[in-house]
Amino acid sequence: MPVTKSAQKQMRVAERRQIRNKPIRSQCKTNITKAEKLIFAGELEAAQKAVVAAISSLDRAAKKGIIHPNNAARRKSRLMQKLNEAQSPPTPKASTKDATEEATEEATQDSTEETG
């Protein structure tokens, strides 16, 4: 427990702030969860609207000082990355080797055939 009067007051102030900030933090988390569920379910149009709502709530929380602006930016970035990956068509993988490895192997095989 705090000893000084100023420490006691700071504790009371912190409790009031915590009570005031909690619903906004909770709303941010809820919006992000809804958006992620829609993304993974494949409902991209609804997911896009949910992502916009989540980004808006994160910006609002950062503006009010409830979360750090970098925290909001990181969460928005991760959410947008998930949405963009879901929207992009899957790229087929031809083989595990890329073109440079194949060219290098062909060059070494040609040089060994000439000498042998």
PDB file of N, CA and C in Angstrom:
ATOM      1  N   MET A   1       0.837  -1.185   0.000  1.00  0.00           N
ATOM      2  CA  MET A   1       0.000   0.000   0.000  1.00  0.00           C
ATOM      3  C   MET A   1       0.881   1.247   0.000  1.00  0.00           C
ATOM      4  N   PRO A   2       0.417   2.293  -0.682  1.00  0.00           N
ATOM      5  CA  PRO A   2       1.189   3.530  -0.714  1.00  0.00           C
ATOM      6  C   PRO A   2       1.213   4.212   0.662  1.00  0.00           C
ATOM      7  N   VAL A   3       2.317   4.872   0.928  1.00  0.00           N
ATOM      8  CA  VAL A   3       2.497   5.486   2.235  1.00  0.00           C
ATOM      9  C   VAL A   3       2.120   6.967   2.195  1.00  0.00           C
ATOM     10  N   THR A   4       2.677   7.690   1.238  1.00  0.00           N
ATOM     11  CA  THR A   4       2.452   9.135   1.193  1.00  0.00           C
ATOM     12  C   THR A   4       1.085   9.470   0.616  1.00  0.00           C
ATOM     13  N   LYS A   5       0.648  10.704   0.900  1.00  0.00           N
ATOM     14  CA  LYS A   5      -0.654  11.143   0.399  1.00  0.00           C
ATOM     15  C   LYS A   5      -0.668  11.201  -1.121  1.00  0.00           C
ATOM     16  N   SER A   6       0.431  11.666  -1.693  1.00  0.00           N
ATOM     17  CA  SER A   6       0.476  11.790  -3.150  1.00  0.00           C
ATOM     18  C   SER A   6       0.430  10.417  -3.820  1.00  0.00           C
ATOM     19  N   ALA A   7       1.080   9.429  -3.210  1.00  0.00           N
ATOM     20  CA  ALA A   7       1.048   8.072  -3.754  1.00  0.00           C
ATOM     21  C   ALA A   7      -0.348   7.475  -3.642  1.00  0.00           C
ATOM     22  N   GLN A   8      -1.035   7.800  -2.537  1.00  0.00           N
ATOM     23  CA  GLN A   8      -2.404   7.321  -2.373  1.00  0.00           C
ATOM     24  C   GLN A   8      -3.327   7.920  -3.429  1.00  0.00           C
ATOM     25  N   LYS A   9      -3.124   9.202  -3.698  1.00  0.00           N
ATOM     26  CA  LYS A   9      -3.955   9.859  -4.705  1.00  0.00           C
ATOM     27  C   LYS A   9      -3.661   9.275  -6.088  1.00  0.00           C
ATOM     28  N   GLN A  10      -2.392   9.033  -6.397  1.00  0.00           N
ATOM     29  CA  GLN A  10      -2.040   8.456  -7.695  1.00  0.00           C
ATOM     30  C   GLN A  10      -2.682   7.087  -7.879  1.00  0.00           C
ATOM     31  N   MET A  11      -2.786   6.335  -6.802  1.00  0.00           N
ATOM     32  CA  MET A  11      -3.415   5.027  -6.873  1.00  0.00           C
ATOM     33  C   MET A  11      -4.908   5.175  -7.199  1.00  0.00           C
ATOM     34  N   ARG A  12      -5.560   6.144  -6.567  1.00  0.00           N
ATOM     35  CA  ARG A  12      -6.978   6.373  -6.848  1.00  0.00           C
ATOM     36  C   ARG A  12      -7.177   6.823  -8.292  1.00  0.00           C
ATOM     37  N   VAL A  13      -6.292   7.699  -8.764  1.00  0.00           N
ATOM     38  CA  VAL A  13      -6.381   8.195 -10.137  1.00  0.00           C
ATOM     39  C   VAL A  13      -6.173   7.042 -11.123  1.00  0.00           C
ATOM     40  N   ALA A  14      -5.206   6.186 -10.838  1.00  0.00           N
ATOM     41  CA  ALA A  14      -4.918   5.049 -11.719  1.00  0.00           C
ATOM     42  C   ALA A  14      -6.112   4.113 -11.801  1.00  0.00           C
ATOM     43  N   GLU A  15      -6.784   3.900 -10.679  1.00  0.00           N
ATOM     44  CA  GLU A  15      -7.969   3.041 -10.683  1.00  0.00           C
ATOM     45  C   GLU A  15      -9.089   3.634 -11.531  1.00  0.00           C
ATOM     46  N   ARG A  16      -9.288   4.952 -11.416  1.00  0.00           N
ATOM     47  CA  ARG A  16     -10.334   5.608 -12.227  1.00  0.00           C
ATOM     48  C   ARG A  16     -10.009   5.511 -13.716  1.00  0.00           C
ATOM     49  N   ARG A  17      -8.746   5.722 -14.050  1.00  0.00           N
ATOM     50  CA  ARG A  17      -8.343   5.620 -15.456  1.00  0.00           C
ATOM     51  C   ARG A  17      -8.529   4.200 -15.979  1.00  0.00           C
ATOM     52  N   GLN A  18      -8.187   3.233 -15.155  1.00  0.00           N
ATOM     53  CA  GLN A  18      -8.319   1.837 -15.552  1.00  0.00           C
ATOM     54  C   GLN A  18      -9.780   1.505 -15.850  1.00  0.00           C
ATOM     55  N   ILE A  19     -10.678   1.986 -15.001  1.00  0.00           N
ATOM     56  CA  ILE A  19     -12.106   1.745 -15.205  1.00  0.00           C
ATOM     57  C   ILE A  19     -12.589   2.419 -16.484  1.00  0.00           C
ATOM     58  N   ARG A  20     -12.091   3.613 -16.752  1.00  0.00           N
ATOM     59  CA  ARG A  20     -12.504   4.358 -17.936  1.00  0.00           C
ATOM     60  C   ARG A  20     -11.933   3.746 -19.220  1.00  0.00           C
ATOM     61  N   ASN A  21     -10.725   3.206 -19.162  1.00  0.00           N
ATOM     62  CA  ASN A  21     -10.055   2.696 -20.359  1.00  0.00           C
ATOM     63  C   ASN A  21     -10.463   1.268 -20.719  1.00  0.00           C
ATOM     64  N   LYS A  22     -10.914   0.510 -19.722  1.00  0.00           N
ATOM     65  CA  LYS A  22     -11.174  -0.907 -19.935  1.00  0.00           C
ATOM     66  C   LYS A  22     -12.169  -1.197 -21.059  1.00  0.00           C
ATOM     67  N   PRO A  23     -13.324  -0.510 -21.131  1.00  0.00           N
ATOM     68  CA  PRO A  23     -14.267  -0.832 -22.218  1.00  0.00           C
ATOM     69  C   PRO A  23     -13.713  -0.516 -23.611  1.00  0.00           C
ATOM     70  N   ILE A  24     -12.875   0.486 -23.708  1.00  0.00           N
ATOM     71  CA  ILE A  24     -12.313   0.843 -25.014  1.00  0.00           C
ATOM     72  C   ILE A  24     -11.302  -0.208 -25.449  1.00  0.00           C
ATOM     73  N   ARG A  25     -10.458  -0.655 -24.522  1.00  0.00           N
ATOM     74  CA  ARG A  25      -9.513  -1.736 -24.832  1.00  0.00           C
ATOM     75  C   ARG A  25     -10.263  -3.004 -25.236  1.00  0.00           C
ATOM     76  N   SER A  26     -11.310  -3.298 -24.497  1.00  0.00           N
ATOM     77  CA  SER A  26     -12.094  -4.492 -24.771  1.00  0.00           C
ATOM     78  C   SER A  26     -12.735  -4.417 -26.152  1.00  0.00           C
ATOM     79  N   GLN A  27     -13.239  -3.249 -26.514  1.00  0.00           N
ATOM     80  CA  GLN A  27     -13.857  -3.079 -27.827  1.00  0.00           C
ATOM     81  C   GLN A  27     -12.832  -3.282 -28.944  1.00  0.00           C
ATOM     82  N   CYS A  28     -11.624  -2.785 -28.742  1.00  0.00           N
ATOM     83  CA  CYS A  28     -10.560  -2.983 -29.729  1.00  0.00           C
ATOM     84  C   CYS A  28     -10.287  -4.473 -29.929  1.00  0.00           C
ATOM     85  N   LYS A  29     -10.131  -5.183 -28.828  1.00  0.00           N
ATOM     86  CA  LYS A  29      -9.845  -6.618 -28.901  1.00  0.00           C
ATOM     87  C   LYS A  29     -10.986  -7.366 -29.581  1.00  0.00           C
ATOM     88  N   THR A  30     -12.224  -6.988 -29.253  1.00  0.00           N
ATOM     89  CA  THR A  30     -13.389  -7.640 -29.850  1.00  0.00           C
ATOM     90  C   THR A  30     -13.424  -7.410 -31.353  1.00  0.00           C
ATOM     91  N   ASN A  31     -13.182  -6.170 -31.775  1.00  0.00           N
ATOM     92  CA  ASN A  31     -13.196  -5.858 -33.211  1.00  0.00           C
ATOM     93  C   ASN A  31     -12.116  -6.623 -33.960  1.00  0.00           C
ATOM     94  N   ILE A  32     -10.944  -6.738 -33.371  1.00  0.00           N
ATOM     95  CA  ILE A  32      -9.849  -7.474 -34.020  1.00  0.00           C
ATOM     96  C   ILE A  32     -10.211  -8.951 -34.138  1.00  0.00           C
ATOM     97  N   THR A  33     -10.766  -9.512 -33.077  1.00  0.00           N
ATOM     98  CA  THR A  33     -11.141 -10.935 -33.084  1.00  0.00           C
ATOM     99  C   THR A  33     -12.204 -11.209 -34.138  1.00  0.00           C
ATOM    100  N   LYS A  34     -13.208 -10.333 -34.234  1.00  0.00           N
ATOM    101  CA  LYS A  34     -14.263 -10.509 -35.233  1.00  0.00           C
ATOM    102  C   LYS A  34     -13.671 -10.484 -36.642  1.00  0.00           C
ATOM    103  N   ALA A  35     -12.792  -9.523 -36.879  1.00  0.00           N
ATOM    104  CA  ALA A  35     -12.183  -9.399 -38.203  1.00  0.00           C
ATOM    105  C   ALA A  35     -11.363 -10.645 -38.541  1.00  0.00           C
ATOM    106  N   GLU A  36     -10.575 -11.137 -37.582  1.00  0.00           N
ATOM    107  CA  GLU A  36      -9.754 -12.322 -37.840  1.00  0.00           C
ATOM    108  C   GLU A  36     -10.616 -13.546 -38.122  1.00  0.00           C
ATOM    109  N   LYS A  37     -11.718 -13.696 -37.378  1.00  0.00           N
ATOM    110  CA  LYS A  37     -12.597 -14.842 -37.610  1.00  0.00           C
ATOM    111  C   LYS A  37     -13.190 -14.796 -39.012  1.00  0.00           C
ATOM    112  N   LEU A  38     -13.593 -13.610 -39.458  1.00  0.00           N
ATOM    113  CA  LEU A  38     -14.152 -13.476 -40.802  1.00  0.00           C
ATOM    114  C   LEU A  38     -13.096 -13.741 -41.870  1.00  0.00           C
ATOM    115  N   ILE A  39     -11.874 -13.292 -41.615  1.00  0.00           N
ATOM    116  CA  ILE A  39     -10.788 -13.525 -42.583  1.00  0.00           C
ATOM    117  C   ILE A  39     -10.552 -15.024 -42.731  1.00  0.00           C
ATOM    118  N   PHE A  40     -10.426 -15.724 -41.598  1.00  0.00           N
ATOM    119  CA  PHE A  40     -10.131 -17.153 -41.656  1.00  0.00           C
ATOM    120  C   PHE A  40     -11.315 -17.975 -42.148  1.00  0.00           C
ATOM    121  N   ALA A  41     -12.516 -17.418 -42.026  1.00  0.00           N
ATOM    122  CA  ALA A  41     -13.700 -18.111 -42.536  1.00  0.00           C
ATOM    123  C   ALA A  41     -13.834 -17.927 -44.045  1.00  0.00           C
ATOM    124  N   GLY A  42     -13.103 -16.969 -44.612  1.00  0.00           N
ATOM    125  CA  GLY A  42     -13.134 -16.747 -46.046  1.00  0.00           C
ATOM    126  C   GLY A  42     -14.191 -15.751 -46.499  1.00  0.00           C
ATOM    127  N   GLU A  43     -14.855 -15.097 -45.574  1.00  0.00           N
ATOM    128  CA  GLU A  43     -15.854 -14.083 -45.922  1.00  0.00           C
ATOM    129  C   GLU A  43     -15.139 -12.740 -46.055  1.00  0.00           C
ATOM    130  N   LEU A  44     -14.557 -12.507 -47.233  1.00  0.00           N
ATOM    131  CA  LEU A  44     -13.647 -11.384 -47.393  1.00  0.00           C
ATOM    132  C   LEU A  44     -14.348 -10.027 -47.409  1.00  0.00           C
ATOM    133  N   GLU A  45     -15.552  -9.952 -47.968  1.00  0.00           N
ATOM    134  CA  GLU A  45     -16.243  -8.656 -47.993  1.00  0.00           C
ATOM    135  C   GLU A  45     -16.618  -8.218 -46.585  1.00  0.00           C
ATOM    136  N   ALA A  46     -17.166  -9.123 -45.818  1.00  0.00           N
ATOM    137  CA  ALA A  46     -17.514  -8.803 -44.431  1.00  0.00           C
ATOM    138  C   ALA A  46     -16.246  -8.562 -43.616  1.00  0.00           C
ATOM    139  N   ALA A  47     -15.199  -9.300 -43.926  1.00  0.00           N
ATOM    140  CA  ALA A  47     -13.934  -9.137 -43.215  1.00  0.00           C
ATOM    141  C   ALA A  47     -13.344  -7.759 -43.464  1.00  0.00           C
ATOM    142  N   GLN A  48     -13.484  -7.273 -44.690  1.00  0.00           N
ATOM    143  CA  GLN A  48     -12.938  -5.961 -45.017  1.00  0.00           C
ATOM    144  C   GLN A  48     -13.620  -4.877 -44.180  1.00  0.00           C
ATOM    145  N   LYS A  49     -14.925  -4.972 -44.028  1.00  0.00           N
ATOM    146  CA  LYS A  49     -15.658  -3.998 -43.213  1.00  0.00           C
ATOM    147  C   LYS A  49     -15.259  -4.125 -41.743  1.00  0.00           C
ATOM    148  N   ALA A  50     -15.066  -5.345 -41.292  1.00  0.00           N
ATOM    149  CA  ALA A  50     -14.669  -5.559 -39.904  1.00  0.00           C
ATOM    150  C   ALA A  50     -13.255  -5.031 -39.646  1.00  0.00           C
ATOM    151  N   VAL A  51     -12.388  -5.165 -40.624  1.00  0.00           N
ATOM    152  CA  VAL A  51     -11.023  -4.654 -40.482  1.00  0.00           C
ATOM    153  C   VAL A  51     -11.048  -3.130 -40.385  1.00  0.00           C
ATOM    154  N   VAL A  52     -11.886  -2.490 -41.189  1.00  0.00           N
ATOM    155  CA  VAL A  52     -11.999  -1.033 -41.134  1.00  0.00           C
ATOM    156  C   VAL A  52     -12.475  -0.602 -39.740  1.00  0.00           C
ATOM    157  N   ALA A  53     -13.456  -1.318 -39.191  1.00  0.00           N
ATOM    158  CA  ALA A  53     -13.954  -0.998 -37.851  1.00  0.00           C
ATOM    159  C   ALA A  53     -12.872  -1.213 -36.793  1.00  0.00           C
ATOM    160  N   ALA A  54     -12.097  -2.278 -36.939  1.00  0.00           N
ATOM    161  CA  ALA A  54     -11.033  -2.567 -35.976  1.00  0.00           C
ATOM    162  C   ALA A  54      -9.943  -1.493 -36.036  1.00  0.00           C
ATOM    163  N   ILE A  55      -9.577  -1.095 -37.236  1.00  0.00           N
ATOM    164  CA  ILE A  55      -8.551  -0.063 -37.394  1.00  0.00           C
ATOM    165  C   ILE A  55      -9.032   1.258 -36.800  1.00  0.00           C
ATOM    166  N   SER A  56     -10.292   1.565 -37.020  1.00  0.00           N
ATOM    167  CA  SER A  56     -10.859   2.792 -36.476  1.00  0.00           C
ATOM    168  C   SER A  56     -10.824   2.786 -34.951  1.00  0.00           C
ATOM    169  N   SER A  57     -11.194   1.664 -34.354  1.00  0.00           N
ATOM    170  CA  SER A  57     -11.191   1.593 -32.893  1.00  0.00           C
ATOM    171  C   SER A  57      -9.767   1.657 -32.339  1.00  0.00           C
ATOM    172  N   LEU A  58      -8.804   1.054 -33.045  1.00  0.00           N
ATOM    173  CA  LEU A  58      -7.408   1.135 -32.607  1.00  0.00           C
ATOM    174  C   LEU A  58      -6.886   2.567 -32.691  1.00  0.00           C
ATOM    175  N   ASP A  59      -7.224   3.261 -33.779  1.00  0.00           N
ATOM    176  CA  ASP A  59      -6.801   4.657 -33.919  1.00  0.00           C
ATOM    177  C   ASP A  59      -7.401   5.523 -32.818  1.00  0.00           C
ATOM    178  N   ARG A  60      -8.663   5.268 -32.513  1.00  0.00           N
ATOM    179  CA  ARG A  60      -9.347   6.038 -31.473  1.00  0.00           C
ATOM    180  C   ARG A  60      -8.677   5.804 -30.114  1.00  0.00           C
ATOM    181  N   ALA A  61      -8.350   4.560 -29.822  1.00  0.00           N
ATOM    182  CA  ALA A  61      -7.703   4.239 -28.545  1.00  0.00           C
ATOM    183  C   ALA A  61      -6.312   4.869 -28.463  1.00  0.00           C
ATOM    184  N   ALA A  62      -5.591   4.870 -29.572  1.00  0.00           N
ATOM    185  CA  ALA A  62      -4.253   5.461 -29.578  1.00  0.00           C
ATOM    186  C   ALA A  62      -4.342   6.981 -29.418  1.00  0.00           C
ATOM    187  N   LYS A  63      -5.330   7.580 -30.046  1.00  0.00           N
ATOM    188  CA  LYS A  63      -5.501   9.035 -29.964  1.00  0.00           C
ATOM    189  C   LYS A  63      -5.820   9.461 -28.535  1.00  0.00           C
ATOM    190  N   LYS A  64      -6.604   8.645 -27.824  1.00  0.00           N
ATOM    191  CA  LYS A  64      -6.975   8.963 -26.451  1.00  0.00           C
ATOM    192  C   LYS A  64      -5.887   8.593 -25.455  1.00  0.00           C
ATOM    193  N   GLY A  65      -4.826   7.926 -25.915  1.00  0.00           N
ATOM    194  CA  GLY A  65      -3.732   7.568 -25.025  1.00  0.00           C
ATOM    195  C   GLY A  65      -3.976   6.292 -24.254  1.00  0.00           C
ATOM    196  N   ILE A  66      -4.964   5.512 -24.672  1.00  0.00           N
ATOM    197  CA  ILE A  66      -5.276   4.269 -23.975  1.00  0.00           C
ATOM    198  C   ILE A  66      -4.258   3.197 -24.326  1.00  0.00           C
ATOM    199  N   ILE A  67      -3.856   3.146 -25.588  1.00  0.00           N
ATOM    200  CA  ILE A  67      -2.754   2.281 -25.994  1.00  0.00           C
ATOM    201  C   ILE A  67      -1.711   3.147 -26.690  1.00  0.00           C
ATOM    202  N   HIS A  68      -0.499   2.671 -26.740  1.00  0.00           N
ATOM    203  CA  HIS A  68       0.595   3.406 -27.379  1.00  0.00           C
ATOM    204  C   HIS A  68       0.376   3.426 -28.884  1.00  0.00           C
ATOM    205  N   PRO A  69       0.703   4.524 -29.550  1.00  0.00           N
ATOM    206  CA  PRO A  69       0.513   4.590 -31.003  1.00  0.00           C
ATOM    207  C   PRO A  69       1.245   3.498 -31.784  1.00  0.00           C
ATOM    208  N   ASN A  70       2.424   3.111 -31.308  1.00  0.00           N
ATOM    209  CA  ASN A  70       3.151   2.035 -31.991  1.00  0.00           C
ATOM    210  C   ASN A  70       2.446   0.697 -31.817  1.00  0.00           C
ATOM    211  N   ASN A  71       1.806   0.503 -30.666  1.00  0.00           N
ATOM    212  CA  ASN A  71       1.033  -0.709 -30.409  1.00  0.00           C
ATOM    213  C   ASN A  71      -0.134  -0.770 -31.387  1.00  0.00           C
ATOM    214  N   ALA A  72      -0.805   0.345 -31.575  1.00  0.00           N
ATOM    215  CA  ALA A  72      -1.929   0.393 -32.518  1.00  0.00           C
ATOM    216  C   ALA A  72      -1.439   0.126 -33.939  1.00  0.00           C
ATOM    217  N   ALA A  73      -0.313   0.727 -34.309  1.00  0.00           N
ATOM    218  CA  ALA A  73       0.225   0.546 -35.650  1.00  0.00           C
ATOM    219  C   ALA A  73       0.600  -0.911 -35.897  1.00  0.00           C
ATOM    220  N   ARG A  74       1.195  -1.541 -34.899  1.00  0.00           N
ATOM    221  CA  ARG A  74       1.594  -2.947 -35.035  1.00  0.00           C
ATOM    222  C   ARG A  74       0.376  -3.849 -35.209  1.00  0.00           C
ATOM    223  N   ARG A  75      -0.652  -3.613 -34.412  1.00  0.00           N
ATOM    224  CA  ARG A  75      -1.860  -4.427 -34.522  1.00  0.00           C
ATOM    225  C   ARG A  75      -2.554  -4.218 -35.865  1.00  0.00           C
ATOM    226  N   LYS A  76      -2.597  -2.976 -36.328  1.00  0.00           N
ATOM    227  CA  LYS A  76      -3.221  -2.692 -37.633  1.00  0.00           C
ATOM    228  C   LYS A  76      -2.445  -3.361 -38.751  1.00  0.00           C
ATOM    229  N   SER A  77      -1.130  -3.313 -38.647  1.00  0.00           N
ATOM    230  CA  SER A  77      -0.289  -3.907 -39.677  1.00  0.00           C
ATOM    231  C   SER A  77      -0.499  -5.414 -39.750  1.00  0.00           C
ATOM    232  N   ARG A  78      -0.550  -6.069 -38.617  1.00  0.00           N
ATOM    233  CA  ARG A  78      -0.738  -7.521 -38.588  1.00  0.00           C
ATOM    234  C   ARG A  78      -2.108  -7.905 -39.140  1.00  0.00           C
ATOM    235  N   LEU A  79      -3.115  -7.095 -38.802  1.00  0.00           N
ATOM    236  CA  LEU A  79      -4.469  -7.374 -39.273  1.00  0.00           C
ATOM    237  C   LEU A  79      -4.557  -7.194 -40.790  1.00  0.00           C
ATOM    238  N   MET A  80      -3.963  -6.127 -41.305  1.00  0.00           N
ATOM    239  CA  MET A  80      -3.979  -5.885 -42.743  1.00  0.00           C
ATOM    240  C   MET A  80      -3.191  -6.957 -43.486  1.00  0.00           C
ATOM    241  N   GLN A  81      -2.107  -7.422 -42.898  1.00  0.00           N
ATOM    242  CA  GLN A  81      -1.307  -8.477 -43.517  1.00  0.00           C
ATOM    243  C   GLN A  81      -2.132  -9.753 -43.660  1.00  0.00           C
ATOM    244  N   LYS A  82      -2.888 -10.094 -42.630  1.00  0.00           N
ATOM    245  CA  LYS A  82      -3.740 -11.281 -42.695  1.00  0.00           C
ATOM    246  C   LYS A  82      -4.812 -11.124 -43.772  1.00  0.00           C
ATOM    247  N   LEU A  83      -5.404  -9.937 -43.846  1.00  0.00           N
ATOM    248  CA  LEU A  83      -6.435  -9.688 -44.852  1.00  0.00           C
ATOM    249  C   LEU A  83      -5.845  -9.760 -46.258  1.00  0.00           C
ATOM    250  N   ASN A  84      -4.697  -9.156 -46.467  1.00  0.00           N
ATOM    251  CA  ASN A  84      -4.072  -9.155 -47.793  1.00  0.00           C
ATOM    252  C   ASN A  84      -3.662 -10.561 -48.226  1.00  0.00           C
ATOM    253  N   GLU A  85      -3.173 -11.367 -47.294  1.00  0.00           N
ATOM    254  CA  GLU A  85      -2.809 -12.748 -47.633  1.00  0.00           C
ATOM    255  C   GLU A  85      -4.046 -13.553 -48.007  1.00  0.00           C
ATOM    256  N   ALA A  86      -5.154 -13.283 -47.345  1.00  0.00           N
ATOM    257  CA  ALA A  86      -6.392 -14.006 -47.657  1.00  0.00           C
ATOM    258  C   ALA A  86      -6.950 -13.589 -49.007  1.00  0.00           C
ATOM    259  N   GLN A  87      -6.738 -12.326 -49.386  1.00  0.00           N
ATOM    260  CA  GLN A  87      -7.272 -11.824 -50.651  1.00  0.00           C
ATOM    261  C   GLN A  87      -6.422 -12.218 -51.845  1.00  0.00           C
ATOM    262  N   SER A  88      -5.120 -12.387 -51.645  1.00  0.00           N
ATOM    263  CA  SER A  88      -4.253 -12.720 -52.765  1.00  0.00           C
ATOM    264  C   SER A  88      -4.447 -14.178 -53.157  1.00  0.00           C
ATOM    265  N   PRO A  89      -4.400 -14.462 -54.461  1.00  0.00           N
ATOM    266  CA  PRO A  89      -4.551 -15.853 -54.894  1.00  0.00           C
ATOM    267  C   PRO A  89      -3.319 -16.661 -54.481  1.00  0.00           C
ATOM    268  N   PRO A  90      -3.504 -17.918 -54.139  1.00  0.00           N
ATOM    269  CA  PRO A  90      -2.359 -18.729 -53.729  1.00  0.00           C
ATOM    270  C   PRO A  90      -1.427 -18.974 -54.910  1.00  0.00           C
ATOM    271  N   THR A  91      -0.134 -18.884 -54.669  1.00  0.00           N
ATOM    272  CA  THR A  91       0.845 -19.101 -55.724  1.00  0.00           C
ATOM    273  C   THR A  91       1.253 -20.562 -55.727  1.00  0.00           C
ATOM    274  N   PRO A  92       1.208 -21.215 -56.891  1.00  0.00           N
ATOM    275  CA  PRO A  92       1.594 -22.622 -56.948  1.00  0.00           C
ATOM    276  C   PRO A  92       3.109 -22.755 -56.833  1.00  0.00           C
ATOM    277  N   LYS A  93       3.548 -23.762 -56.102  1.00  0.00           N
ATOM    278  CA  LYS A  93       4.978 -24.015 -55.964  1.00  0.00           C
ATOM    279  C   LYS A  93       5.360 -25.108 -56.953  1.00  0.00           C
ATOM    280  N   ALA A  94       6.221 -24.758 -57.935  1.00  0.00           N
ATOM    281  CA  ALA A  94       6.627 -25.708 -58.958  1.00  0.00           C
ATOM    282  C   ALA A  94       7.587 -26.741 -58.381  1.00  0.00           C
ATOM    283  N   SER A  95       8.607 -26.269 -57.703  1.00  0.00           N
ATOM    284  CA  SER A  95       9.557 -27.181 -57.077  1.00  0.00           C
ATOM    285  C   SER A  95      10.216 -26.469 -55.915  1.00  0.00           C
ATOM    286  N   THR A  96      11.026 -27.221 -55.185  1.00  0.00           N
ATOM    287  CA  THR A  96      11.700 -26.624 -54.040  1.00  0.00           C
ATOM    288  C   THR A  96      12.926 -25.832 -54.475  1.00  0.00           C
ATOM    289  N   LYS A  97      13.443 -26.103 -55.653  1.00  0.00           N
ATOM    290  CA  LYS A  97      14.612 -25.387 -56.150  1.00  0.00           C
ATOM    291  C   LYS A  97      14.144 -24.172 -56.945  1.00  0.00           C
ATOM    292  N   ASP A  98      14.863 -23.079 -56.782  1.00  0.00           N
ATOM    293  CA  ASP A  98      14.532 -21.931 -57.603  1.00  0.00           C
ATOM    294  C   ASP A  98      15.427 -21.915 -58.836  1.00  0.00           C
ATOM    295  N   ALA A  99      15.207 -20.962 -59.716  1.00  0.00           N
ATOM    296  CA  ALA A  99      15.873 -20.927 -61.023  1.00  0.00           C
ATOM    297  C   ALA A  99      17.388 -20.798 -60.890  1.00  0.00           C
ATOM    298  N   THR A 100      17.875 -20.039 -59.930  1.00  0.00           N
ATOM    299  CA  THR A 100      19.326 -19.848 -59.807  1.00  0.00           C
ATOM    300  C   THR A 100      20.016 -21.145 -59.395  1.00  0.00           C
ATOM    301  N   GLU A 101      19.393 -21.925 -58.514  1.00  0.00           N
ATOM    302  CA  GLU A 101      19.991 -23.197 -58.117  1.00  0.00           C
ATOM    303  C   GLU A 101      20.029 -24.166 -59.284  1.00  0.00           C
ATOM    304  N   GLU A 102      18.967 -24.187 -60.085  1.00  0.00           N
ATOM    305  CA  GLU A 102      18.927 -25.089 -61.239  1.00  0.00           C
ATOM    306  C   GLU A 102      19.984 -24.698 -62.265  1.00  0.00           C
ATOM    307  N   ALA A 103      20.162 -23.405 -62.503  1.00  0.00           N
ATOM    308  CA  ALA A 103      21.158 -22.952 -63.461  1.00  0.00           C
ATOM    309  C   ALA A 103      22.564 -23.310 -62.981  1.00  0.00           C
ATOM    310  N   THR A 104      22.816 -23.187 -61.688  1.00  0.00           N
ATOM    311  CA  THR A 104      24.119 -23.522 -61.139  1.00  0.00           C
ATOM    312  C   THR A 104      24.391 -25.014 -61.276  1.00  0.00           C
ATOM    313  N   GLU A 105      23.395 -25.834 -61.016  1.00  0.00           N
ATOM    314  CA  GLU A 105      23.569 -27.283 -61.157  1.00  0.00           C
ATOM    315  C   GLU A 105      23.852 -27.661 -62.597  1.00  0.00           C
ATOM    316  N   GLU A 106      23.152 -27.061 -63.552  1.00  0.00           N
ATOM    317  CA  GLU A 106      23.371 -27.367 -64.968  1.00  0.00           C
ATOM    318  C   GLU A 106      24.777 -26.981 -65.384  1.00  0.00           C
ATOM    319  N   ALA A 107      25.253 -25.835 -64.901  1.00  0.00           N
ATOM    320  CA  ALA A 107      26.597 -25.377 -65.254  1.00  0.00           C
ATOM    321  C   ALA A 107      27.650 -26.322 -64.699  1.00  0.00           C
ATOM    322  N   THR A 108      27.478 -26.815 -63.495  1.00  0.00           N
ATOM    323  CA  THR A 108      28.468 -27.728 -62.923  1.00  0.00           C
ATOM    324  C   THR A 108      28.431 -29.077 -63.619  1.00  0.00           C
ATOM    325  N   GLN A 109      27.238 -29.524 -64.041  1.00  0.00           N
ATOM    326  CA  GLN A 109      27.143 -30.786 -64.755  1.00  0.00           C
ATOM    327  C   GLN A 109      27.809 -30.687 -66.121  1.00  0.00           C
ATOM    328  N   ASP A 110      27.637 -29.559 -66.812  1.00  0.00           N
ATOM    329  CA  ASP A 110      28.272 -29.365 -68.126  1.00  0.00           C
ATOM    330  C   ASP A 110      29.779 -29.368 -67.997  1.00  0.00           C
ATOM    331  N   SER A 111      30.309 -28.713 -66.985  1.00  0.00           N
ATOM    332  CA  SER A 111      31.770 -28.638 -66.841  1.00  0.00           C
ATOM    333  C   SER A 111      32.343 -30.011 -66.457  1.00  0.00           C
ATOM    334  N   THR A 112      31.638 -30.815 -65.717  1.00  0.00           N
ATOM    335  CA  THR A 112      32.160 -32.117 -65.351  1.00  0.00           C
ATOM    336  C   THR A 112      32.094 -33.072 -66.542  1.00  0.00           C
ATOM    337  N   GLU A 113      31.112 -32.922 -67.431  1.00  0.00           N
ATOM    338  CA  GLU A 113      31.012 -33.778 -68.611  1.00  0.00           C
ATOM    339  C   GLU A 113      32.148 -33.481 -69.588  1.00  0.00           C
ATOM    340  N   GLU A 114      32.530 -32.210 -69.726  1.00  0.00           N
ATOM    341  CA  GLU A 114      33.575 -31.829 -70.661  1.00  0.00           C
ATOM    342  C   GLU A 114      34.919 -32.351 -70.197  1.00  0.00           C
ATOM    343  N   THR A 115      35.183 -32.315 -68.915  1.00  0.00           N
ATOM    344  CA  THR A 115      36.484 -32.758 -68.421  1.00  0.00           C
ATOM    345  C   THR A 115      36.585 -34.274 -68.338  1.00  0.00           C
ATOM    346  N   GLY A 116      35.473 -34.962 -68.149  1.00  0.00           N
ATOM    347  CA  GLY A 116      35.481 -36.404 -67.934  1.00  0.00           C
ATOM    348  C   GLY A 116      35.367 -37.171 -69.152  1.00  0.00           C
TER     349      GLY A 116
END
